[in-house]
């Protein structure tokens, strides 16, 4: 099993999931805590938050798992530069709030965080094919900004399908798949979970051998 403290992380990392409720926020906070424990200077960012007003519930989860208080960057919204009220895709949430999603503001906020912290972990909204603005998708943003990815998966029925679809999409786009993170929180069926873990690890060894497989305990 990969020890998170022994991993050499890139300076920027994008956390995405196989679907909306894959456990990205907990995975992001858990990774950040492991990096802090390894002595790394790390901050997390929620690049688009929907379903909130004036604050990001996902950043709150990150900070609790990291064991730190809100930072100055949290208070001035650098870690959550775009927040929309309706719990939907960024594209729909922006239309409901009658304002545009500012992709430039997001990337500039990430750059500012990177000026202070050696490592910035960016949590996405939903999965790879979530629309940001019209046909411009999350995967397009990742590709445009050359961000290595951690794909969060789990052992729920159907996860192998969702995981492979996501992995094939990342490979097709030429995106660096840094790791697949298995979130054990959803382990309910022992037989299905064991098979899911083994299948994904075997698939990675054949199709993306440089990709790490990280197992996260239930939090």
N, C-alpha and C. Protein backbone atom coordinates (compact mmCIF):
# COMPACT_ATOMS: atom_id res chain seq x y z
N UNK A 1 0.84 -1.20 0.00
CA UNK A 1 0.00 0.00 0.00
C UNK A 1 0.88 1.25 0.00
N UNK A 2 0.51 2.25 -0.79
CA UNK A 2 1.28 3.48 -0.89
C UNK A 2 1.10 4.30 0.38
N UNK A 3 2.20 4.74 0.96
CA UNK A 3 2.18 5.62 2.14
C UNK A 3 2.18 7.06 1.66
N UNK A 4 1.14 7.82 2.00
CA UNK A 4 0.97 9.17 1.49
C UNK A 4 2.15 10.07 1.87
N UNK A 5 2.79 9.80 3.01
CA UNK A 5 3.91 10.62 3.44
C UNK A 5 5.15 10.42 2.57
N UNK A 6 5.18 9.32 1.83
CA UNK A 6 6.35 9.00 1.02
C UNK A 6 6.18 9.40 -0.45
N UNK A 7 5.02 9.96 -0.77
CA UNK A 7 4.75 10.33 -2.16
C UNK A 7 5.38 11.68 -2.48
N UNK A 8 6.00 11.79 -3.65
CA UNK A 8 6.52 13.07 -4.12
C UNK A 8 5.44 13.75 -4.95
N UNK A 9 4.76 14.71 -4.35
CA UNK A 9 3.63 15.36 -5.00
C UNK A 9 4.09 16.50 -5.91
N UNK A 10 3.40 16.71 -7.02
CA UNK A 10 3.67 17.88 -7.86
C UNK A 10 3.22 19.15 -7.14
N UNK A 11 3.70 20.29 -7.60
CA UNK A 11 3.38 21.55 -6.92
C UNK A 11 1.91 21.92 -7.06
N UNK A 12 1.28 21.47 -8.13
CA UNK A 12 -0.16 21.68 -8.30
C UNK A 12 -0.82 20.35 -8.63
N UNK A 13 -2.00 20.15 -8.10
CA UNK A 13 -2.71 18.89 -8.26
C UNK A 13 -4.20 19.16 -8.34
N UNK A 14 -4.88 18.51 -9.27
CA UNK A 14 -6.32 18.68 -9.42
C UNK A 14 -7.02 17.40 -8.97
N UNK A 15 -7.95 17.53 -8.03
CA UNK A 15 -8.71 16.38 -7.52
C UNK A 15 -10.07 16.34 -8.20
N UNK A 16 -10.33 15.26 -8.91
CA UNK A 16 -11.64 15.07 -9.53
C UNK A 16 -12.20 13.72 -9.09
N UNK A 17 -13.44 13.45 -9.43
CA UNK A 17 -14.06 12.21 -8.99
C UNK A 17 -14.80 11.52 -10.12
N UNK A 18 -15.17 10.28 -9.89
CA UNK A 18 -15.90 9.53 -10.91
C UNK A 18 -17.35 10.00 -11.00
N UNK A 19 -17.82 10.72 -9.98
CA UNK A 19 -19.15 11.33 -10.02
C UNK A 19 -19.22 12.39 -8.93
N UNK A 20 -20.38 12.97 -8.74
CA UNK A 20 -20.51 14.10 -7.81
C UNK A 20 -20.21 13.70 -6.37
N UNK A 21 -20.63 12.53 -5.96
CA UNK A 21 -20.49 12.11 -4.56
C UNK A 21 -19.44 11.02 -4.38
N UNK A 22 -18.31 11.18 -5.05
CA UNK A 22 -17.25 10.17 -4.93
C UNK A 22 -16.44 10.33 -3.65
N UNK A 23 -16.54 11.50 -3.02
CA UNK A 23 -15.78 11.75 -1.79
C UNK A 23 -14.56 12.63 -2.03
N UNK A 24 -14.65 13.54 -3.01
CA UNK A 24 -13.51 14.40 -3.37
C UNK A 24 -13.06 15.32 -2.23
N UNK A 25 -14.00 15.92 -1.53
CA UNK A 25 -13.64 16.89 -0.49
C UNK A 25 -12.87 16.21 0.64
N UNK A 26 -13.32 15.03 1.04
CA UNK A 26 -12.62 14.31 2.09
C UNK A 26 -11.27 13.81 1.60
N UNK A 27 -11.22 13.39 0.34
CA UNK A 27 -9.94 12.97 -0.23
C UNK A 27 -8.96 14.13 -0.29
N UNK A 28 -9.46 15.30 -0.68
CA UNK A 28 -8.61 16.49 -0.77
C UNK A 28 -8.04 16.86 0.60
N UNK A 29 -8.91 16.90 1.61
CA UNK A 29 -8.46 17.22 2.96
C UNK A 29 -7.51 16.19 3.52
N UNK A 30 -7.77 14.92 3.23
CA UNK A 30 -6.92 13.83 3.72
C UNK A 30 -5.53 13.90 3.10
N UNK A 31 -5.48 14.13 1.80
CA UNK A 31 -4.19 14.27 1.12
C UNK A 31 -3.42 15.46 1.69
N UNK A 32 -4.13 16.59 1.85
CA UNK A 32 -3.48 17.79 2.37
C UNK A 32 -2.93 17.56 3.78
N UNK A 33 -3.69 16.83 4.60
CA UNK A 33 -3.21 16.54 5.96
C UNK A 33 -1.95 15.68 5.91
N UNK A 34 -1.95 14.70 5.03
CA UNK A 34 -0.77 13.86 4.88
C UNK A 34 0.44 14.65 4.42
N UNK A 35 0.22 15.61 3.53
CA UNK A 35 1.31 16.46 3.05
C UNK A 35 1.82 17.37 4.17
N UNK A 36 0.90 17.91 4.97
CA UNK A 36 1.31 18.73 6.11
C UNK A 36 2.14 17.91 7.09
N UNK A 37 1.71 16.69 7.34
CA UNK A 37 2.43 15.82 8.27
C UNK A 37 3.81 15.44 7.75
N UNK A 38 3.95 15.51 6.41
CA UNK A 38 5.24 15.23 5.80
C UNK A 38 6.12 16.47 5.71
N UNK A 39 5.62 17.58 6.27
CA UNK A 39 6.40 18.80 6.31
C UNK A 39 6.27 19.70 5.09
N UNK A 40 5.27 19.43 4.25
CA UNK A 40 5.08 20.24 3.05
C UNK A 40 4.18 21.44 3.34
N UNK A 41 4.42 22.51 2.62
CA UNK A 41 3.65 23.75 2.76
C UNK A 41 2.52 23.70 1.73
N UNK A 42 1.32 23.35 2.18
CA UNK A 42 0.22 23.05 1.25
C UNK A 42 -1.04 23.84 1.60
N UNK A 43 -1.78 24.20 0.56
CA UNK A 43 -3.09 24.83 0.71
C UNK A 43 -4.05 24.17 -0.28
N UNK A 44 -5.33 24.13 0.06
CA UNK A 44 -6.33 23.58 -0.85
C UNK A 44 -7.21 24.70 -1.39
N UNK A 45 -7.79 24.43 -2.55
CA UNK A 45 -8.68 25.39 -3.20
C UNK A 45 -9.87 24.64 -3.79
N UNK A 46 -11.05 25.20 -3.65
CA UNK A 46 -12.24 24.70 -4.34
C UNK A 46 -12.47 25.63 -5.53
N UNK A 47 -12.22 25.13 -6.74
CA UNK A 47 -12.17 26.07 -7.85
C UNK A 47 -13.54 26.60 -8.25
N UNK A 48 -14.60 25.83 -8.06
CA UNK A 48 -15.98 26.35 -8.19
C UNK A 48 -16.82 25.66 -7.12
N UNK A 49 -17.49 26.45 -6.29
CA UNK A 49 -18.39 25.91 -5.27
C UNK A 49 -19.82 26.27 -5.63
N UNK A 50 -20.69 25.26 -5.66
CA UNK A 50 -22.10 25.53 -5.89
C UNK A 50 -22.90 25.09 -4.66
N UNK A 51 -24.09 25.66 -4.51
CA UNK A 51 -24.95 25.30 -3.39
C UNK A 51 -24.60 25.98 -2.09
N UNK A 52 -23.82 27.06 -2.16
CA UNK A 52 -23.43 27.81 -0.96
C UNK A 52 -23.59 29.31 -1.20
N UNK A 53 -23.59 30.07 -0.12
CA UNK A 53 -23.63 31.53 -0.19
C UNK A 53 -22.49 32.08 0.66
N UNK A 54 -21.58 32.79 0.03
CA UNK A 54 -20.50 33.53 0.71
C UNK A 54 -19.43 32.67 1.37
N UNK A 55 -19.57 31.34 1.36
CA UNK A 55 -18.51 30.50 1.91
C UNK A 55 -18.53 29.16 1.19
N UNK A 56 -17.49 28.39 1.33
CA UNK A 56 -17.40 27.07 0.70
C UNK A 56 -17.43 25.99 1.77
N UNK A 57 -18.46 25.16 1.73
CA UNK A 57 -18.55 24.06 2.69
C UNK A 57 -17.43 23.04 2.47
N UNK A 58 -16.94 22.95 1.24
CA UNK A 58 -15.86 22.00 0.97
C UNK A 58 -14.54 22.47 1.57
N UNK A 59 -14.29 23.78 1.52
CA UNK A 59 -13.09 24.31 2.18
C UNK A 59 -13.18 24.07 3.69
N UNK A 60 -14.36 24.17 4.24
CA UNK A 60 -14.55 23.89 5.67
C UNK A 60 -14.16 22.45 5.99
N UNK A 61 -14.57 21.52 5.12
CA UNK A 61 -14.19 20.11 5.30
C UNK A 61 -12.68 19.95 5.22
N UNK A 62 -12.07 20.61 4.22
CA UNK A 62 -10.61 20.53 4.07
C UNK A 62 -9.91 20.96 5.36
N UNK A 63 -10.31 22.11 5.89
CA UNK A 63 -9.61 22.66 7.06
C UNK A 63 -9.78 21.76 8.29
N UNK A 64 -10.97 21.20 8.47
CA UNK A 64 -11.19 20.31 9.60
C UNK A 64 -10.30 19.07 9.50
N UNK A 65 -10.21 18.50 8.31
CA UNK A 65 -9.37 17.32 8.13
C UNK A 65 -7.89 17.65 8.24
N UNK A 66 -7.52 18.85 7.81
CA UNK A 66 -6.12 19.27 7.91
C UNK A 66 -5.74 19.65 9.34
N UNK A 67 -6.77 19.92 10.18
CA UNK A 67 -6.52 20.29 11.56
C UNK A 67 -6.01 21.70 11.71
N UNK A 68 -6.45 22.59 10.80
CA UNK A 68 -6.02 23.98 10.87
C UNK A 68 -7.23 24.91 10.87
N UNK A 69 -7.00 26.14 11.28
CA UNK A 69 -8.05 27.15 11.25
C UNK A 69 -8.16 27.72 9.83
N UNK A 70 -9.22 28.53 9.61
CA UNK A 70 -9.34 29.22 8.33
C UNK A 70 -8.12 30.11 8.12
N UNK A 71 -7.62 30.12 6.90
CA UNK A 71 -6.46 30.93 6.57
C UNK A 71 -6.89 32.31 6.07
N UNK A 72 -5.93 33.20 5.95
CA UNK A 72 -6.22 34.52 5.39
C UNK A 72 -6.69 34.39 3.95
N UNK A 73 -6.17 33.40 3.25
CA UNK A 73 -6.59 33.16 1.86
C UNK A 73 -8.03 32.67 1.79
N UNK A 74 -8.47 31.94 2.83
CA UNK A 74 -9.88 31.54 2.90
C UNK A 74 -10.78 32.76 3.09
N UNK A 75 -10.34 33.64 3.98
CA UNK A 75 -11.16 34.80 4.34
C UNK A 75 -11.32 35.78 3.18
N UNK A 76 -10.33 35.83 2.30
CA UNK A 76 -10.45 36.74 1.15
C UNK A 76 -10.86 36.01 -0.12
N UNK A 77 -11.30 34.75 0.03
CA UNK A 77 -11.89 33.95 -1.06
C UNK A 77 -10.91 33.53 -2.15
N UNK A 78 -9.62 33.58 -1.90
CA UNK A 78 -8.68 33.05 -2.87
C UNK A 78 -8.83 31.53 -3.00
N UNK A 79 -9.24 30.87 -1.92
CA UNK A 79 -9.39 29.42 -1.95
C UNK A 79 -10.77 28.97 -2.45
N UNK A 80 -11.67 29.91 -2.62
CA UNK A 80 -12.99 29.62 -3.20
C UNK A 80 -13.42 30.84 -4.02
N UNK A 81 -12.76 31.05 -5.17
CA UNK A 81 -12.98 32.29 -5.93
C UNK A 81 -14.33 32.42 -6.60
N UNK A 82 -15.01 31.30 -6.83
CA UNK A 82 -16.31 31.34 -7.49
C UNK A 82 -17.32 30.50 -6.71
N UNK A 83 -18.33 31.17 -6.14
CA UNK A 83 -19.35 30.51 -5.34
C UNK A 83 -20.73 30.86 -5.90
N UNK A 84 -21.55 29.83 -6.13
CA UNK A 84 -22.90 30.02 -6.65
C UNK A 84 -23.90 29.37 -5.70
N UNK A 85 -25.11 29.89 -5.69
CA UNK A 85 -26.08 29.49 -4.67
C UNK A 85 -26.76 28.16 -4.95
N UNK A 86 -26.96 27.82 -6.22
CA UNK A 86 -27.76 26.63 -6.53
C UNK A 86 -26.86 25.40 -6.64
N UNK A 87 -27.25 24.28 -6.02
CA UNK A 87 -26.43 23.06 -6.06
C UNK A 87 -26.58 22.32 -7.40
N UNK A 88 -25.86 22.80 -8.38
CA UNK A 88 -25.94 22.24 -9.73
C UNK A 88 -24.58 22.37 -10.40
N UNK A 89 -24.50 22.03 -11.67
CA UNK A 89 -23.25 22.23 -12.40
C UNK A 89 -22.91 23.71 -12.39
N UNK A 90 -21.64 24.06 -12.47
CA UNK A 90 -21.28 25.48 -12.54
C UNK A 90 -21.98 26.23 -13.66
N UNK A 91 -22.14 25.58 -14.79
CA UNK A 91 -22.82 26.21 -15.93
C UNK A 91 -24.25 26.59 -15.58
N UNK A 92 -25.00 25.65 -15.01
CA UNK A 92 -26.39 25.92 -14.65
C UNK A 92 -26.47 26.86 -13.46
N UNK A 93 -25.63 26.65 -12.45
CA UNK A 93 -25.66 27.50 -11.25
C UNK A 93 -25.38 28.95 -11.60
N UNK A 94 -24.46 29.18 -12.53
CA UNK A 94 -24.14 30.56 -12.95
C UNK A 94 -25.32 31.19 -13.66
N UNK A 95 -26.01 30.41 -14.50
CA UNK A 95 -27.17 30.95 -15.20
C UNK A 95 -28.31 31.27 -14.24
N UNK A 96 -28.48 30.42 -13.23
CA UNK A 96 -29.52 30.66 -12.23
C UNK A 96 -29.21 31.93 -11.44
N UNK A 97 -27.94 32.14 -11.08
CA UNK A 97 -27.54 33.34 -10.34
C UNK A 97 -27.39 34.56 -11.24
N UNK A 98 -27.59 34.35 -12.55
CA UNK A 98 -27.54 35.45 -13.53
C UNK A 98 -26.19 36.19 -13.52
N UNK A 99 -25.13 35.41 -13.46
CA UNK A 99 -23.80 35.98 -13.63
C UNK A 99 -22.89 34.94 -14.28
N UNK A 100 -21.80 35.39 -14.84
CA UNK A 100 -20.90 34.51 -15.56
C UNK A 100 -19.85 33.90 -14.63
N UNK A 101 -19.49 32.68 -14.95
CA UNK A 101 -18.38 32.04 -14.27
C UNK A 101 -17.08 32.65 -14.80
N UNK A 102 -16.24 33.13 -13.91
CA UNK A 102 -15.01 33.81 -14.29
C UNK A 102 -13.83 32.84 -14.17
N UNK A 103 -13.50 32.17 -15.27
CA UNK A 103 -12.42 31.20 -15.27
C UNK A 103 -11.06 31.86 -15.03
N UNK A 104 -10.91 33.08 -15.53
CA UNK A 104 -9.65 33.79 -15.32
C UNK A 104 -9.43 34.09 -13.84
N UNK A 105 -10.50 34.44 -13.13
CA UNK A 105 -10.38 34.72 -11.70
C UNK A 105 -9.94 33.46 -10.94
N UNK A 106 -10.42 32.30 -11.38
CA UNK A 106 -10.04 31.04 -10.74
C UNK A 106 -8.55 30.77 -10.93
N UNK A 107 -8.08 30.84 -12.16
CA UNK A 107 -6.68 30.54 -12.43
C UNK A 107 -5.76 31.57 -11.77
N UNK A 108 -6.17 32.82 -11.74
CA UNK A 108 -5.36 33.85 -11.08
C UNK A 108 -5.29 33.61 -9.58
N UNK A 109 -6.40 33.14 -8.98
CA UNK A 109 -6.40 32.82 -7.56
C UNK A 109 -5.45 31.66 -7.27
N UNK A 110 -5.44 30.66 -8.14
CA UNK A 110 -4.52 29.54 -7.97
C UNK A 110 -3.08 30.02 -8.05
N UNK A 111 -2.80 30.90 -9.00
CA UNK A 111 -1.44 31.44 -9.15
C UNK A 111 -1.01 32.20 -7.90
N UNK A 112 -1.92 32.97 -7.31
CA UNK A 112 -1.60 33.74 -6.11
C UNK A 112 -1.31 32.80 -4.93
N UNK A 113 -2.09 31.72 -4.84
CA UNK A 113 -1.84 30.74 -3.78
C UNK A 113 -0.46 30.10 -3.96
N UNK A 114 -0.12 29.83 -5.23
CA UNK A 114 1.16 29.20 -5.52
C UNK A 114 2.35 30.10 -5.22
N UNK A 115 2.12 31.41 -5.14
CA UNK A 115 3.19 32.34 -4.78
C UNK A 115 3.57 32.20 -3.31
N UNK A 116 2.63 31.77 -2.48
CA UNK A 116 2.87 31.65 -1.04
C UNK A 116 3.12 30.22 -0.60
N UNK A 117 2.42 29.27 -1.23
CA UNK A 117 2.52 27.87 -0.81
C UNK A 117 3.26 27.05 -1.88
N UNK A 118 4.04 26.09 -1.42
CA UNK A 118 4.79 25.25 -2.36
C UNK A 118 3.88 24.26 -3.10
N UNK A 119 2.74 23.91 -2.47
CA UNK A 119 1.81 22.95 -3.07
C UNK A 119 0.37 23.46 -2.98
N UNK A 120 -0.32 23.43 -4.11
CA UNK A 120 -1.73 23.83 -4.17
C UNK A 120 -2.54 22.66 -4.70
N UNK A 121 -3.52 22.25 -3.91
CA UNK A 121 -4.43 21.16 -4.33
C UNK A 121 -5.77 21.79 -4.69
N UNK A 122 -6.19 21.59 -5.92
CA UNK A 122 -7.43 22.18 -6.43
C UNK A 122 -8.50 21.10 -6.52
N UNK A 123 -9.59 21.28 -5.76
CA UNK A 123 -10.70 20.33 -5.87
C UNK A 123 -11.70 20.79 -6.91
N UNK A 124 -12.07 19.88 -7.80
CA UNK A 124 -13.04 20.19 -8.82
C UNK A 124 -14.47 20.16 -8.31
N UNK A 125 -15.41 20.37 -9.23
CA UNK A 125 -16.84 20.31 -8.92
C UNK A 125 -17.44 19.16 -9.72
N UNK A 126 -17.81 18.09 -9.03
CA UNK A 126 -18.33 16.94 -9.76
C UNK A 126 -17.23 16.19 -10.48
N UNK A 127 -17.60 15.61 -11.64
CA UNK A 127 -16.65 14.81 -12.40
C UNK A 127 -16.01 15.57 -13.55
N UNK A 128 -15.34 14.84 -14.40
CA UNK A 128 -14.56 15.43 -15.48
C UNK A 128 -15.41 16.13 -16.54
N UNK A 129 -16.59 15.60 -16.81
CA UNK A 129 -17.40 16.12 -17.90
C UNK A 129 -18.46 17.12 -17.44
N UNK A 130 -18.28 17.66 -16.25
CA UNK A 130 -19.20 18.67 -15.75
C UNK A 130 -19.02 19.96 -16.55
N UNK A 131 -20.11 20.52 -17.09
CA UNK A 131 -19.99 21.76 -17.87
C UNK A 131 -19.70 22.97 -16.99
N UNK A 132 -18.70 23.74 -17.41
CA UNK A 132 -18.37 24.99 -16.72
C UNK A 132 -19.04 26.17 -17.39
N UNK A 133 -18.81 26.30 -18.70
CA UNK A 133 -19.47 27.33 -19.50
C UNK A 133 -19.85 26.69 -20.84
N UNK A 134 -21.13 26.41 -21.01
CA UNK A 134 -21.56 25.78 -22.25
C UNK A 134 -20.88 24.43 -22.45
N UNK A 135 -20.19 24.27 -23.60
CA UNK A 135 -19.52 23.01 -23.90
C UNK A 135 -18.10 22.94 -23.36
N UNK A 136 -17.68 23.98 -22.66
CA UNK A 136 -16.36 23.97 -22.04
C UNK A 136 -16.48 23.24 -20.70
N UNK A 137 -15.80 22.10 -20.60
CA UNK A 137 -15.97 21.19 -19.48
C UNK A 137 -14.80 21.28 -18.49
N UNK A 138 -14.98 20.65 -17.34
CA UNK A 138 -13.91 20.59 -16.35
C UNK A 138 -12.64 19.99 -16.94
N UNK A 139 -12.78 18.94 -17.73
CA UNK A 139 -11.61 18.29 -18.33
C UNK A 139 -10.87 19.24 -19.27
N UNK A 140 -11.60 20.16 -19.90
CA UNK A 140 -10.96 21.17 -20.75
C UNK A 140 -10.12 22.12 -19.92
N UNK A 141 -10.63 22.51 -18.76
CA UNK A 141 -9.88 23.40 -17.85
C UNK A 141 -8.61 22.71 -17.37
N UNK A 142 -8.73 21.45 -16.99
CA UNK A 142 -7.56 20.69 -16.52
C UNK A 142 -6.50 20.62 -17.61
N UNK A 143 -6.91 20.30 -18.82
CA UNK A 143 -5.99 20.22 -19.95
C UNK A 143 -5.35 21.57 -20.24
N UNK A 144 -6.15 22.62 -20.27
CA UNK A 144 -5.65 23.95 -20.60
C UNK A 144 -4.59 24.42 -19.60
N UNK A 145 -4.76 24.04 -18.33
CA UNK A 145 -3.84 24.50 -17.30
C UNK A 145 -2.79 23.43 -16.92
N UNK A 146 -2.77 22.37 -17.69
CA UNK A 146 -1.74 21.33 -17.56
C UNK A 146 -1.62 20.82 -16.12
N UNK A 147 -2.77 20.46 -15.54
CA UNK A 147 -2.80 20.03 -14.15
C UNK A 147 -2.80 18.50 -14.04
N UNK A 148 -1.86 17.92 -13.31
CA UNK A 148 -1.94 16.48 -13.04
C UNK A 148 -3.15 16.19 -12.16
N UNK A 149 -3.70 14.99 -12.31
CA UNK A 149 -4.99 14.66 -11.70
C UNK A 149 -4.90 13.50 -10.73
N UNK A 150 -5.66 13.64 -9.65
CA UNK A 150 -5.99 12.50 -8.80
C UNK A 150 -7.47 12.20 -9.01
N UNK A 151 -7.77 10.99 -9.44
CA UNK A 151 -9.15 10.58 -9.68
C UNK A 151 -9.65 9.80 -8.46
N UNK A 152 -10.69 10.31 -7.82
CA UNK A 152 -11.26 9.67 -6.64
C UNK A 152 -12.35 8.69 -7.05
N UNK A 153 -12.20 7.45 -6.60
CA UNK A 153 -13.19 6.41 -6.88
C UNK A 153 -13.57 5.73 -5.57
N UNK A 154 -14.42 4.72 -5.66
CA UNK A 154 -14.86 4.00 -4.46
C UNK A 154 -15.39 2.63 -4.85
N UNK A 155 -15.92 1.90 -3.88
CA UNK A 155 -16.33 0.53 -4.11
C UNK A 155 -17.81 0.32 -4.32
N UNK A 156 -18.54 1.39 -4.63
CA UNK A 156 -19.97 1.23 -4.89
C UNK A 156 -20.19 0.51 -6.23
N UNK A 157 -21.31 -0.19 -6.32
CA UNK A 157 -21.64 -0.89 -7.56
C UNK A 157 -21.71 0.11 -8.71
N UNK A 158 -21.00 -0.16 -9.78
CA UNK A 158 -20.94 0.74 -10.93
C UNK A 158 -19.67 1.55 -10.99
N UNK A 159 -18.87 1.50 -9.93
CA UNK A 159 -17.68 2.34 -9.88
C UNK A 159 -16.61 1.92 -10.89
N UNK A 160 -16.53 0.65 -11.19
CA UNK A 160 -15.55 0.24 -12.20
C UNK A 160 -15.87 0.90 -13.54
N UNK A 161 -17.12 0.88 -13.91
CA UNK A 161 -17.55 1.53 -15.15
C UNK A 161 -17.20 3.01 -15.15
N UNK A 162 -17.59 3.71 -14.09
CA UNK A 162 -17.34 5.15 -14.01
C UNK A 162 -15.85 5.47 -13.98
N UNK A 163 -15.09 4.62 -13.30
CA UNK A 163 -13.64 4.84 -13.20
C UNK A 163 -12.96 4.69 -14.55
N UNK A 164 -13.29 3.62 -15.26
CA UNK A 164 -12.65 3.38 -16.55
C UNK A 164 -13.04 4.44 -17.57
N UNK A 165 -14.29 4.88 -17.56
CA UNK A 165 -14.70 5.95 -18.47
C UNK A 165 -13.89 7.22 -18.19
N UNK A 166 -13.69 7.53 -16.92
CA UNK A 166 -12.92 8.72 -16.55
C UNK A 166 -11.46 8.56 -16.95
N UNK A 167 -10.89 7.38 -16.71
CA UNK A 167 -9.49 7.15 -17.06
C UNK A 167 -9.26 7.22 -18.57
N UNK A 168 -10.16 6.62 -19.32
CA UNK A 168 -10.04 6.68 -20.79
C UNK A 168 -10.11 8.13 -21.28
N UNK A 169 -11.00 8.92 -20.67
CA UNK A 169 -11.12 10.33 -21.07
C UNK A 169 -9.83 11.08 -20.78
N UNK A 170 -9.25 10.86 -19.61
CA UNK A 170 -8.00 11.52 -19.25
C UNK A 170 -6.87 11.13 -20.19
N UNK A 171 -6.80 9.85 -20.52
CA UNK A 171 -5.76 9.38 -21.45
C UNK A 171 -5.96 9.98 -22.83
N UNK A 172 -7.21 10.06 -23.28
CA UNK A 172 -7.50 10.63 -24.59
C UNK A 172 -7.09 12.10 -24.66
N UNK A 173 -7.27 12.82 -23.56
CA UNK A 173 -6.92 14.23 -23.51
C UNK A 173 -5.42 14.45 -23.27
N UNK A 174 -4.70 13.38 -23.00
CA UNK A 174 -3.28 13.50 -22.74
C UNK A 174 -2.96 14.14 -21.40
N UNK A 175 -3.84 13.93 -20.43
CA UNK A 175 -3.68 14.51 -19.09
C UNK A 175 -2.90 13.54 -18.19
N UNK A 176 -2.00 14.07 -17.40
CA UNK A 176 -1.21 13.26 -16.48
C UNK A 176 -2.10 12.74 -15.35
N UNK A 177 -2.27 11.42 -15.30
CA UNK A 177 -3.05 10.80 -14.23
C UNK A 177 -2.07 10.47 -13.10
N UNK A 178 -1.94 11.37 -12.15
CA UNK A 178 -0.97 11.18 -11.08
C UNK A 178 -1.34 10.00 -10.19
N UNK A 179 -2.61 9.90 -9.84
CA UNK A 179 -3.04 8.83 -8.94
C UNK A 179 -4.53 8.55 -9.07
N UNK A 180 -4.89 7.33 -8.76
CA UNK A 180 -6.29 6.98 -8.50
C UNK A 180 -6.39 6.74 -7.00
N UNK A 181 -7.31 7.43 -6.37
CA UNK A 181 -7.49 7.31 -4.93
C UNK A 181 -8.79 6.57 -4.64
N UNK A 182 -8.67 5.46 -3.94
CA UNK A 182 -9.83 4.66 -3.58
C UNK A 182 -10.32 5.08 -2.20
N UNK A 183 -11.55 5.61 -2.14
CA UNK A 183 -12.15 6.10 -0.90
C UNK A 183 -12.92 4.96 -0.23
N UNK A 184 -12.40 4.47 0.88
CA UNK A 184 -13.00 3.30 1.55
C UNK A 184 -14.29 3.61 2.30
N UNK A 185 -14.65 4.89 2.38
CA UNK A 185 -15.85 5.27 3.13
C UNK A 185 -17.10 4.56 2.63
N UNK A 186 -17.13 4.27 1.34
CA UNK A 186 -18.34 3.70 0.74
C UNK A 186 -18.33 2.18 0.71
N UNK A 187 -17.36 1.56 1.37
CA UNK A 187 -17.27 0.09 1.35
C UNK A 187 -18.43 -0.52 2.12
N UNK A 188 -19.37 -1.09 1.40
CA UNK A 188 -20.54 -1.74 2.02
C UNK A 188 -20.57 -3.23 1.70
N UNK A 189 -20.35 -3.56 0.44
CA UNK A 189 -20.35 -4.95 0.00
C UNK A 189 -18.90 -5.42 -0.12
N UNK A 190 -18.49 -6.32 0.75
CA UNK A 190 -17.10 -6.77 0.81
C UNK A 190 -16.65 -7.38 -0.51
N UNK A 191 -17.51 -8.16 -1.12
CA UNK A 191 -17.16 -8.85 -2.37
C UNK A 191 -16.94 -7.84 -3.50
N UNK A 192 -17.88 -6.90 -3.65
CA UNK A 192 -17.78 -5.90 -4.71
C UNK A 192 -16.59 -4.98 -4.49
N UNK A 193 -16.37 -4.56 -3.24
CA UNK A 193 -15.26 -3.66 -2.95
C UNK A 193 -13.91 -4.29 -3.26
N UNK A 194 -13.74 -5.53 -2.86
CA UNK A 194 -12.47 -6.22 -3.11
C UNK A 194 -12.22 -6.36 -4.61
N UNK A 195 -13.26 -6.70 -5.33
CA UNK A 195 -13.12 -6.86 -6.78
C UNK A 195 -12.83 -5.53 -7.46
N UNK A 196 -13.49 -4.47 -7.00
CA UNK A 196 -13.28 -3.14 -7.57
C UNK A 196 -11.83 -2.70 -7.40
N UNK A 197 -11.30 -2.84 -6.19
CA UNK A 197 -9.91 -2.48 -5.94
C UNK A 197 -8.96 -3.25 -6.87
N UNK A 198 -9.13 -4.57 -6.90
CA UNK A 198 -8.24 -5.41 -7.68
C UNK A 198 -8.34 -5.10 -9.17
N UNK A 199 -9.58 -4.90 -9.65
CA UNK A 199 -9.77 -4.65 -11.07
C UNK A 199 -9.09 -3.36 -11.49
N UNK A 200 -9.30 -2.30 -10.72
CA UNK A 200 -8.72 -1.00 -11.07
C UNK A 200 -7.20 -1.04 -11.02
N UNK A 201 -6.64 -1.68 -10.00
CA UNK A 201 -5.19 -1.79 -9.89
C UNK A 201 -4.60 -2.58 -11.06
N UNK A 202 -5.27 -3.66 -11.44
CA UNK A 202 -4.80 -4.47 -12.57
C UNK A 202 -4.88 -3.67 -13.86
N UNK A 203 -5.98 -2.92 -14.03
CA UNK A 203 -6.14 -2.10 -15.23
C UNK A 203 -5.05 -1.05 -15.32
N UNK A 204 -4.76 -0.39 -14.21
CA UNK A 204 -3.71 0.63 -14.19
C UNK A 204 -2.35 0.05 -14.54
N UNK A 205 -2.05 -1.13 -14.03
CA UNK A 205 -0.75 -1.74 -14.30
C UNK A 205 -0.55 -2.02 -15.78
N UNK A 206 -1.65 -2.22 -16.50
CA UNK A 206 -1.57 -2.49 -17.94
C UNK A 206 -1.64 -1.23 -18.78
N UNK A 207 -2.48 -0.27 -18.40
CA UNK A 207 -2.79 0.88 -19.24
C UNK A 207 -2.15 2.19 -18.79
N UNK A 208 -1.83 2.30 -17.51
CA UNK A 208 -1.23 3.53 -16.99
C UNK A 208 -0.32 3.20 -15.81
N UNK A 209 0.77 2.47 -16.09
CA UNK A 209 1.60 1.93 -15.00
C UNK A 209 2.27 2.98 -14.13
N UNK A 210 2.41 4.21 -14.60
CA UNK A 210 3.04 5.25 -13.78
C UNK A 210 2.06 5.86 -12.77
N UNK A 211 0.76 5.55 -12.91
CA UNK A 211 -0.26 6.09 -12.01
C UNK A 211 -0.25 5.36 -10.67
N UNK A 212 -0.21 6.13 -9.60
CA UNK A 212 -0.26 5.55 -8.26
C UNK A 212 -1.68 5.09 -7.92
N UNK A 213 -1.79 4.06 -7.11
CA UNK A 213 -3.08 3.66 -6.54
C UNK A 213 -2.99 3.89 -5.04
N UNK A 214 -3.80 4.84 -4.56
CA UNK A 214 -3.77 5.22 -3.15
C UNK A 214 -5.09 4.79 -2.50
N UNK A 215 -4.98 4.10 -1.38
CA UNK A 215 -6.17 3.66 -0.65
C UNK A 215 -6.36 4.57 0.57
N UNK A 216 -7.51 5.24 0.62
CA UNK A 216 -7.82 6.14 1.73
C UNK A 216 -8.76 5.45 2.71
N UNK A 217 -8.45 5.43 3.99
CA UNK A 217 -9.33 4.79 4.96
C UNK A 217 -10.63 5.55 5.12
N UNK A 218 -11.63 4.91 5.67
CA UNK A 218 -12.89 5.57 5.96
C UNK A 218 -12.68 6.60 7.06
N UNK A 219 -13.10 7.82 6.81
CA UNK A 219 -12.88 8.90 7.79
C UNK A 219 -14.13 9.14 8.63
